[in-house]
Amino acid sequence: MEPKVTFFLGANTPSGFYSLYDQMLAPEDARRVFLLKGGAGCGKSSLMRRVAQQLEAAGQQVEYIVCSGDPDSLDAVIFPQLGAAIADATAPHVMEPRLPGVVESYVNLGRFYDHTSLAPLRPEIEEATEGYKEHYKRAYRCLTAAAQLFEDDRALLCTPALEAKALKRARGILSREVKKTGRAPGKAVQRFLGAISCQGVSCRFDTAELLCRRIYELSDSHGLAAGMLTALAAGAMSAGYDVILCPSPLFPDRAEHLLIPELGLGFLTSAPGLEYPGRPYRRVRLDAMADAELLKKYKARLKFSRKVYAALMDEATGALAQAKAVHDQLEGLYNPHVDFDGVYQQAQAIAGELLAVK
């Protein structure tokens, strides 16, 4: 399948679900947003795929937002040229309209359920719903332990000397790659490029390559790249360029990747177990900036931490896989009792309305 621009707007984090859905469209750019309501198996993802296919065929750009719990499922589709979007507005990423009737409209897909035939399934549906939540709670507990362990090692190595080296390298890159435009400062939008999901820990490196022909690979085993990425983003914005700042799913207040599409320039963190698979334009070895004496002194501790961290992340993604299996059961209960012809007619109506946006 041809790669498409794909991000996440939510993340499974140590503190639970973390949402960036308020950044789906800039308020001043939003012209038409459809907020989908309805429970499991009612066709939200299917509707979005159908509309996206029609608009792509009509030549519109489409940005796909996939689910952080199940990356094979859609949570939103964005049409930047139209200032339009369709989003699953149900928990955990509940969305409410800012300008109802002017920009946003609710679409109730729950009306396509056959309530009469679903009523006898209530016990099975209740059991699956509760089981699904319990698996997520376990995943978040494992992520909390993994994050604490990772942060302990990062704090050990992220010295003022390392930060100074990283900042100096960032300034060198900016002077070489980012020329001043004379324009007003650029804007930053946040998107998760990676996720911790039922499929493991992943990153949409393909999206970065679609948007940026030149990739700087930041080799970073210990989470040391955030300061450098923040400096690069600030420099690019001050020069007049918009940036896509991609936080870490484990530490959503910390940058993990940076994309500057106008310059075709991307900075991707490459870590053990999630290495950048392509051929980089340049490589920055952040690990080599760490204090050699500290690395030697704490070699055994760091090795032990990596092993335990990997085990905890496996437990977390295993729990998310169990949650996905239960959710699949839930959808299997609902699917036979959904009027999908009605869902597809609704998709056709939304596509027609979006194609009429001027």
Protein backbone atom coordinates (compact mmCIF):
# COMPACT_ATOMS: atom_id res chain seq x y z
CA MET A 1 0.00 0.00 0.00
CA GLU A 2 1.24 3.48 -0.85
CA PRO A 3 2.42 5.27 2.33
CA LYS A 4 0.24 8.10 3.60
CA VAL A 5 0.85 10.95 6.01
CA THR A 6 -0.11 9.32 9.30
CA PHE A 7 0.20 10.56 12.87
CA PHE A 8 -1.28 9.91 16.32
CA LEU A 9 -3.11 12.58 18.31
CA GLY A 10 -3.31 10.47 21.44
CA ALA A 11 -0.84 8.40 23.43
CA ASN A 12 -0.85 5.72 26.10
CA THR A 13 1.34 7.25 28.79
CA PRO A 14 2.22 6.51 32.43
CA SER A 15 -0.54 8.91 33.51
CA GLY A 16 -3.14 7.38 31.20
CA PHE A 17 -4.41 8.61 27.85
CA TYR A 18 -2.81 11.87 26.72
CA SER A 19 -4.68 13.91 24.12
CA LEU A 20 -3.49 16.35 21.47
CA TYR A 21 -6.91 16.47 19.79
CA ASP A 22 -7.20 20.18 20.55
CA GLN A 23 -4.41 20.63 17.97
CA MET A 24 -6.19 18.76 15.19
CA LEU A 25 -6.87 22.06 13.37
CA ALA A 26 -5.91 25.58 14.36
CA PRO A 27 -9.14 27.33 15.47
CA GLU A 28 -8.63 30.13 12.96
CA ASP A 29 -8.27 27.61 10.10
CA ALA A 30 -11.18 25.30 10.98
CA ARG A 31 -14.11 25.57 8.59
CA ARG A 32 -15.92 22.23 8.83
CA VAL A 33 -15.52 19.55 11.49
CA PHE A 34 -17.68 16.46 11.94
CA LEU A 35 -17.66 14.95 15.44
CA LEU A 36 -18.66 11.29 15.38
CA LYS A 37 -20.58 9.85 18.32
CA GLY A 38 -21.39 6.19 18.84
CA GLY A 39 -20.09 3.14 20.67
CA ALA A 40 -18.00 0.14 19.66
CA GLY A 41 -18.49 -1.38 16.25
CA CYS A 42 -20.84 1.30 14.89
CA GLY A 43 -18.66 2.13 11.88
CA LYS A 44 -16.76 5.30 12.88
CA SER A 45 -13.44 4.15 11.40
CA SER A 46 -15.13 2.73 8.29
CA LEU A 47 -16.95 6.01 7.66
CA MET A 48 -13.74 8.02 7.94
CA ARG A 49 -11.89 5.71 5.53
CA ARG A 50 -14.66 5.99 2.94
CA VAL A 51 -14.72 9.78 3.10
CA ALA A 52 -10.92 10.00 2.98
CA GLN A 53 -10.78 7.77 -0.10
CA GLN A 54 -13.30 9.94 -1.92
CA LEU A 55 -11.51 13.17 -1.08
CA GLU A 56 -8.11 11.72 -2.00
CA ALA A 57 -9.56 10.67 -5.36
CA ALA A 58 -10.72 14.27 -5.80
CA GLY A 59 -7.16 15.52 -5.23
CA GLN A 60 -7.40 16.65 -1.61
CA GLN A 61 -4.56 16.19 0.87
CA VAL A 62 -5.45 13.85 3.71
CA GLU A 63 -3.75 13.43 7.07
CA TYR A 64 -4.64 10.16 8.77
CA ILE A 65 -4.83 10.03 12.57
CA VAL A 66 -4.66 6.46 13.80
CA CYS A 67 -5.66 5.05 17.16
CA SER A 68 -2.95 4.79 19.83
CA GLY A 69 -4.62 1.63 21.15
CA ASP A 70 -4.99 0.00 17.73
CA PRO A 71 -3.00 1.62 14.89
CA ASP A 72 -5.08 -0.28 12.33
CA SER A 73 -8.09 1.82 13.32
CA LEU A 74 -8.72 5.47 12.49
CA ASP A 75 -9.48 8.11 15.09
CA ALA A 76 -9.62 11.09 12.71
CA VAL A 77 -8.95 12.28 9.19
CA ILE A 78 -7.86 15.84 8.49
CA PHE A 79 -8.17 17.72 5.20
CA PRO A 80 -5.72 20.65 5.61
CA GLN A 81 -6.53 22.39 2.33
CA LEU A 82 -10.19 22.56 3.29
CA GLY A 83 -9.70 23.37 6.97
CA ALA A 84 -11.87 20.32 7.62
CA ALA A 85 -11.76 17.14 9.67
CA ILE A 86 -13.77 14.17 10.85
CA ALA A 87 -13.01 12.79 14.30
CA ASP A 88 -14.13 10.10 16.67
CA ALA A 89 -15.29 12.36 19.49
CA THR A 90 -15.97 9.61 22.03
CA ALA A 91 -13.91 8.67 25.10
CA PRO A 92 -11.01 8.78 25.71
CA HIS A 93 -10.66 11.66 23.23
CA VAL A 94 -13.95 13.39 23.88
CA MET A 95 -14.34 16.54 21.78
CA GLU A 96 -16.95 19.26 22.11
CA PRO A 97 -17.78 21.95 19.55
CA ARG A 98 -16.29 25.42 19.84
CA LEU A 99 -18.60 26.99 17.23
CA PRO A 100 -21.47 24.48 16.92
CA GLY A 101 -23.40 24.75 13.69
CA VAL A 102 -20.83 27.18 12.29
CA VAL A 103 -17.83 24.84 12.21
CA GLU A 104 -18.65 21.64 14.09
CA SER A 105 -21.54 19.22 13.69
CA TYR A 106 -22.34 16.08 15.65
CA VAL A 107 -22.92 12.88 13.69
CA ASN A 108 -24.77 10.24 15.72
CA LEU A 109 -23.76 6.83 14.39
CA GLY A 110 -25.46 5.20 17.36
CA ARG A 111 -28.72 5.58 15.47
CA PHE A 112 -27.59 2.74 13.19
CA TYR A 113 -27.64 0.20 16.04
CA ASP A 114 -30.54 -2.26 16.13
CA HIS A 115 -31.45 -1.74 19.78
CA THR A 116 -34.02 -4.54 19.81
CA SER A 117 -31.55 -7.22 18.73
CA LEU A 118 -28.77 -5.86 20.98
CA ALA A 119 -30.81 -5.89 24.19
CA PRO A 120 -30.39 -9.66 24.86
CA LEU A 121 -26.58 -9.26 24.57
CA ARG A 122 -26.35 -6.88 27.53
CA PRO A 123 -24.53 -9.29 29.91
CA GLU A 124 -21.81 -10.11 27.36
CA ILE A 125 -21.42 -6.45 26.41
CA GLU A 126 -21.10 -5.36 30.04
CA GLU A 127 -18.49 -8.04 30.76
CA ALA A 128 -16.38 -7.13 27.72
CA THR A 129 -16.58 -3.41 28.52
CA GLU A 130 -15.27 -3.89 32.06
CA GLY A 131 -12.54 -6.34 31.03
CA TYR A 132 -11.27 -3.91 28.41
CA LYS A 133 -10.77 -1.18 31.05
CA GLU A 134 -8.87 -3.48 33.45
CA HIS A 135 -6.25 -4.34 30.83
CA TYR A 136 -5.61 -0.65 30.24
CA LYS A 137 -5.11 -0.04 33.95
CA ARG A 138 -2.42 -2.74 34.03
CA ALA A 139 -0.72 -1.27 30.96
CA TYR A 140 -0.53 2.16 32.58
CA ARG A 141 0.95 0.71 35.79
CA CYS A 142 3.71 -0.97 33.76
CA LEU A 143 4.37 2.22 31.81
CA THR A 144 4.70 4.16 35.05
CA ALA A 145 7.38 1.78 36.33
CA ALA A 146 9.21 1.81 32.98
CA ALA A 147 9.18 5.61 32.81
CA GLN A 148 10.56 5.97 36.34
CA LEU A 149 13.41 3.60 35.56
CA PHE A 150 14.21 5.34 32.28
CA GLU A 151 14.12 8.77 33.88
CA ASP A 152 16.46 7.65 36.65
CA ASP A 153 19.14 6.73 34.09
CA ARG A 154 18.51 9.83 31.98
CA ALA A 155 19.01 12.09 34.99
CA LEU A 156 22.32 10.36 35.62
CA LEU A 157 23.69 11.14 32.15
CA CYS A 158 22.01 14.43 31.21
CA THR A 159 24.72 16.68 32.67
CA PRO A 160 25.20 20.42 32.02
CA ALA A 161 28.24 19.55 29.88
CA LEU A 162 26.16 17.27 27.66
CA GLU A 163 23.42 19.89 27.33
CA ALA A 164 26.02 22.46 26.29
CA LYS A 165 27.42 20.10 23.62
CA ALA A 166 23.94 19.38 22.28
CA LEU A 167 23.04 23.08 22.16
CA LYS A 168 26.27 23.90 20.33
CA ARG A 169 25.51 21.19 17.76
CA ALA A 170 21.96 22.53 17.35
CA ARG A 171 23.27 26.02 16.66
CA GLY A 172 25.65 24.64 14.04
CA ILE A 173 22.82 22.80 12.29
CA LEU A 174 20.60 25.88 12.35
CA SER A 175 23.31 28.09 10.85
CA ARG A 176 23.83 25.58 8.04
CA GLU A 177 20.28 24.42 7.32
CA VAL A 178 17.86 27.15 8.40
CA LYS A 179 18.10 30.48 6.60
CA LYS A 180 16.15 33.46 7.90
CA THR A 181 13.07 34.29 5.83
CA GLY A 182 12.25 37.73 7.18
CA ARG A 183 8.75 36.45 7.88
CA ALA A 184 6.92 36.52 11.19
CA PRO A 185 7.87 33.68 13.55
CA GLY A 186 6.52 30.30 12.54
CA LYS A 187 4.07 28.18 14.50
CA ALA A 188 4.43 24.79 16.12
CA VAL A 189 1.83 22.05 15.95
CA GLN A 190 2.17 18.86 17.96
CA ARG A 191 1.65 15.37 16.61
CA PHE A 192 2.73 12.03 18.04
CA LEU A 193 4.89 10.24 15.47
CA GLY A 194 5.13 7.14 17.65
CA ALA A 195 2.89 5.08 19.90
CA ILE A 196 2.85 2.45 22.60
CA SER A 197 0.08 0.17 21.42
CA CYS A 198 -1.16 -3.40 21.09
CA GLN A 199 1.38 -3.75 18.26
CA GLY A 200 4.30 -2.80 20.49
CA VAL A 201 6.36 0.39 20.46
CA SER A 202 6.29 1.89 16.97
CA CYS A 203 7.14 5.03 15.03
CA ARG A 204 5.78 6.30 11.70
CA PHE A 205 9.18 6.90 10.15
CA ASP A 206 7.45 6.61 6.76
CA THR A 207 5.48 9.78 7.48
CA ALA A 208 8.68 11.65 8.28
CA GLU A 209 10.17 10.50 4.97
CA LEU A 210 7.06 11.61 3.06
CA LEU A 211 7.32 15.11 4.51
CA CYS A 212 11.11 15.48 4.77
CA ARG A 213 13.64 14.36 2.16
CA ARG A 214 16.61 15.06 4.47
CA ILE A 215 16.65 13.17 7.76
CA TYR A 216 19.01 13.79 10.65
CA GLU A 217 19.17 10.61 12.71
CA LEU A 218 19.74 11.31 16.40
CA SER A 219 21.31 8.19 17.91
CA ASP A 220 20.05 8.31 21.47
CA SER A 221 19.87 5.40 23.92
CA HIS A 222 19.09 7.44 27.04
CA GLY A 223 16.51 10.11 26.13
CA LEU A 224 19.07 12.89 25.74
CA ALA A 225 17.73 14.52 22.55
CA ALA A 226 14.86 16.62 23.93
CA GLY A 227 16.88 19.76 24.66
CA MET A 228 18.51 19.71 21.24
CA LEU A 229 15.16 19.24 19.49
CA THR A 230 13.60 22.09 21.45
CA ALA A 231 16.47 24.40 20.45
CA LEU A 232 16.16 23.37 16.79
CA ALA A 233 12.41 23.98 16.84
CA ALA A 234 12.84 27.40 18.43
CA GLY A 235 15.49 28.38 15.89
CA ALA A 236 13.39 27.26 12.93
CA MET A 237 10.31 29.13 14.18
CA SER A 238 12.27 32.33 14.82
CA ALA A 239 13.49 32.10 11.21
CA GLY A 240 9.88 32.01 10.00
CA TYR A 241 9.19 28.28 9.52
CA ASP A 242 6.29 26.25 10.87
CA VAL A 243 7.32 23.05 12.62
CA ILE A 244 5.75 19.76 13.68
CA LEU A 245 6.99 18.94 17.15
CA CYS A 246 6.52 15.27 18.03
CA PRO A 247 6.45 14.46 21.76
CA SER A 248 7.50 11.18 23.32
CA PRO A 249 4.57 8.87 24.12
CA LEU A 250 6.28 7.92 27.38
CA PHE A 251 7.09 11.55 28.31
CA PRO A 252 4.57 13.71 26.41
CA ASP A 253 6.06 16.94 27.79
CA ARG A 254 9.34 16.10 26.06
CA ALA A 255 10.21 16.34 22.34
CA GLU A 256 11.24 13.13 20.59
CA HIS A 257 11.18 14.11 16.89
CA LEU A 258 10.99 17.32 14.85
CA LEU A 259 9.75 17.88 11.29
CA ILE A 260 10.14 21.08 9.25
CA PRO A 261 8.23 20.23 6.04
CA GLU A 262 8.88 23.55 4.27
CA LEU A 263 12.61 22.84 4.44
CA GLY A 264 12.18 19.11 3.83
CA LEU A 265 14.14 18.63 7.03
CA GLY A 266 13.47 16.08 9.76
CA PHE A 267 15.18 15.14 13.03
CA LEU A 268 14.36 11.62 14.19
CA THR A 269 15.40 10.02 17.45
CA SER A 270 16.77 6.52 16.85
CA ALA A 271 16.80 4.37 19.99
CA PRO A 272 17.59 0.71 20.72
CA GLY A 273 14.63 -1.38 19.66
CA LEU A 274 13.23 1.44 17.56
CA GLU A 275 16.04 2.40 15.21
CA TYR A 276 15.48 4.60 12.17
CA PRO A 277 15.48 2.07 9.28
CA GLY A 278 16.36 4.46 6.47
CA ARG A 279 19.56 6.01 5.24
CA PRO A 280 19.99 9.34 7.05
CA TYR A 281 21.22 12.54 5.49
CA ARG A 282 23.31 13.12 8.61
CA ARG A 283 23.77 11.30 11.91
CA VAL A 284 24.19 12.93 15.33
CA ARG A 285 25.55 10.60 18.00
CA LEU A 286 24.08 11.91 21.23
CA ASP A 287 25.31 8.84 23.11
CA ALA A 288 28.87 9.91 22.32
CA MET A 289 28.23 13.28 23.99
CA ALA A 290 27.58 11.61 27.35
CA ASP A 291 30.33 11.64 29.97
CA ALA A 292 32.55 8.60 29.26
CA GLU A 293 33.48 8.24 32.92
CA LEU A 294 29.81 8.13 33.97
CA LEU A 295 29.06 5.53 31.30
CA LYS A 296 31.94 3.40 32.53
CA LYS A 297 31.12 3.82 36.20
CA TYR A 298 27.45 2.92 35.82
CA LYS A 299 27.78 0.38 33.02
CA ALA A 300 26.29 -2.50 35.04
CA ARG A 301 23.45 -0.35 36.37
CA LEU A 302 22.55 0.91 32.90
CA LYS A 303 22.62 -2.62 31.49
CA PHE A 304 20.31 -3.85 34.25
CA SER A 305 17.95 -0.90 33.72
CA ARG A 306 17.71 -1.58 29.98
CA LYS A 307 16.76 -5.19 30.65
CA VAL A 308 14.09 -4.36 33.22
CA TYR A 309 12.78 -1.46 31.12
CA ALA A 310 12.37 -3.75 28.11
CA ALA A 311 10.51 -6.31 30.23
CA LEU A 312 8.14 -3.67 31.60
CA MET A 313 7.42 -2.31 28.12
CA ASP A 314 6.70 -5.85 26.92
CA GLU A 315 4.25 -6.26 29.80
CA ALA A 316 2.59 -2.94 28.96
CA THR A 317 2.16 -3.72 25.27
CA GLY A 318 1.01 -7.23 26.18
CA ALA A 319 -1.74 -5.73 28.35
CA LEU A 320 -2.70 -3.41 25.48
CA ALA A 321 -2.88 -6.44 23.17
CA GLN A 322 -5.23 -8.13 25.65
CA ALA A 323 -7.35 -4.95 25.73
CA LYS A 324 -7.47 -5.02 21.94
CA ALA A 325 -8.62 -8.67 21.96
CA VAL A 326 -11.46 -7.83 24.36
CA HIS A 327 -12.40 -4.79 22.27
CA ASP A 328 -12.50 -7.00 19.19
CA GLN A 329 -14.96 -9.26 21.05
CA LEU A 330 -17.04 -6.20 21.89
CA GLU A 331 -17.09 -5.08 18.26
CA GLY A 332 -17.95 -8.63 17.24
CA LEU A 333 -21.03 -8.44 19.46
CA TYR A 334 -22.14 -5.14 17.97
CA ASN A 335 -21.22 -5.47 14.27
CA PRO A 336 -24.01 -7.83 13.18
CA HIS A 337 -26.55 -5.40 14.61
CA VAL A 338 -25.40 -2.25 12.81
CA ASP A 339 -27.01 -0.88 9.64
CA PHE A 340 -23.80 -0.38 7.68
CA ASP A 341 -25.70 0.67 4.56
CA GLY A 342 -26.91 3.63 6.60
CA VAL A 343 -23.34 4.33 7.80
CA TYR A 344 -22.05 4.33 4.22
CA GLN A 345 -24.85 6.63 3.07
CA GLN A 346 -23.83 8.99 5.86
CA ALA A 347 -20.22 8.80 4.63
CA GLN A 348 -21.37 9.70 1.12
CA ALA A 349 -23.29 12.70 2.45
CA ILE A 350 -20.30 13.98 4.44
CA ALA A 351 -17.95 13.54 1.47
CA GLY A 352 -20.34 15.53 -0.71
CA GLU A 353 -20.56 18.32 1.86
CA LEU A 354 -16.76 18.51 2.20
CA LEU A 355 -16.21 18.56 -1.55
CA ALA A 356 -18.56 21.54 -1.70
CA VAL A 357 -16.47 23.54 0.79
CA LYS A 358 -15.03 26.58 -0.98
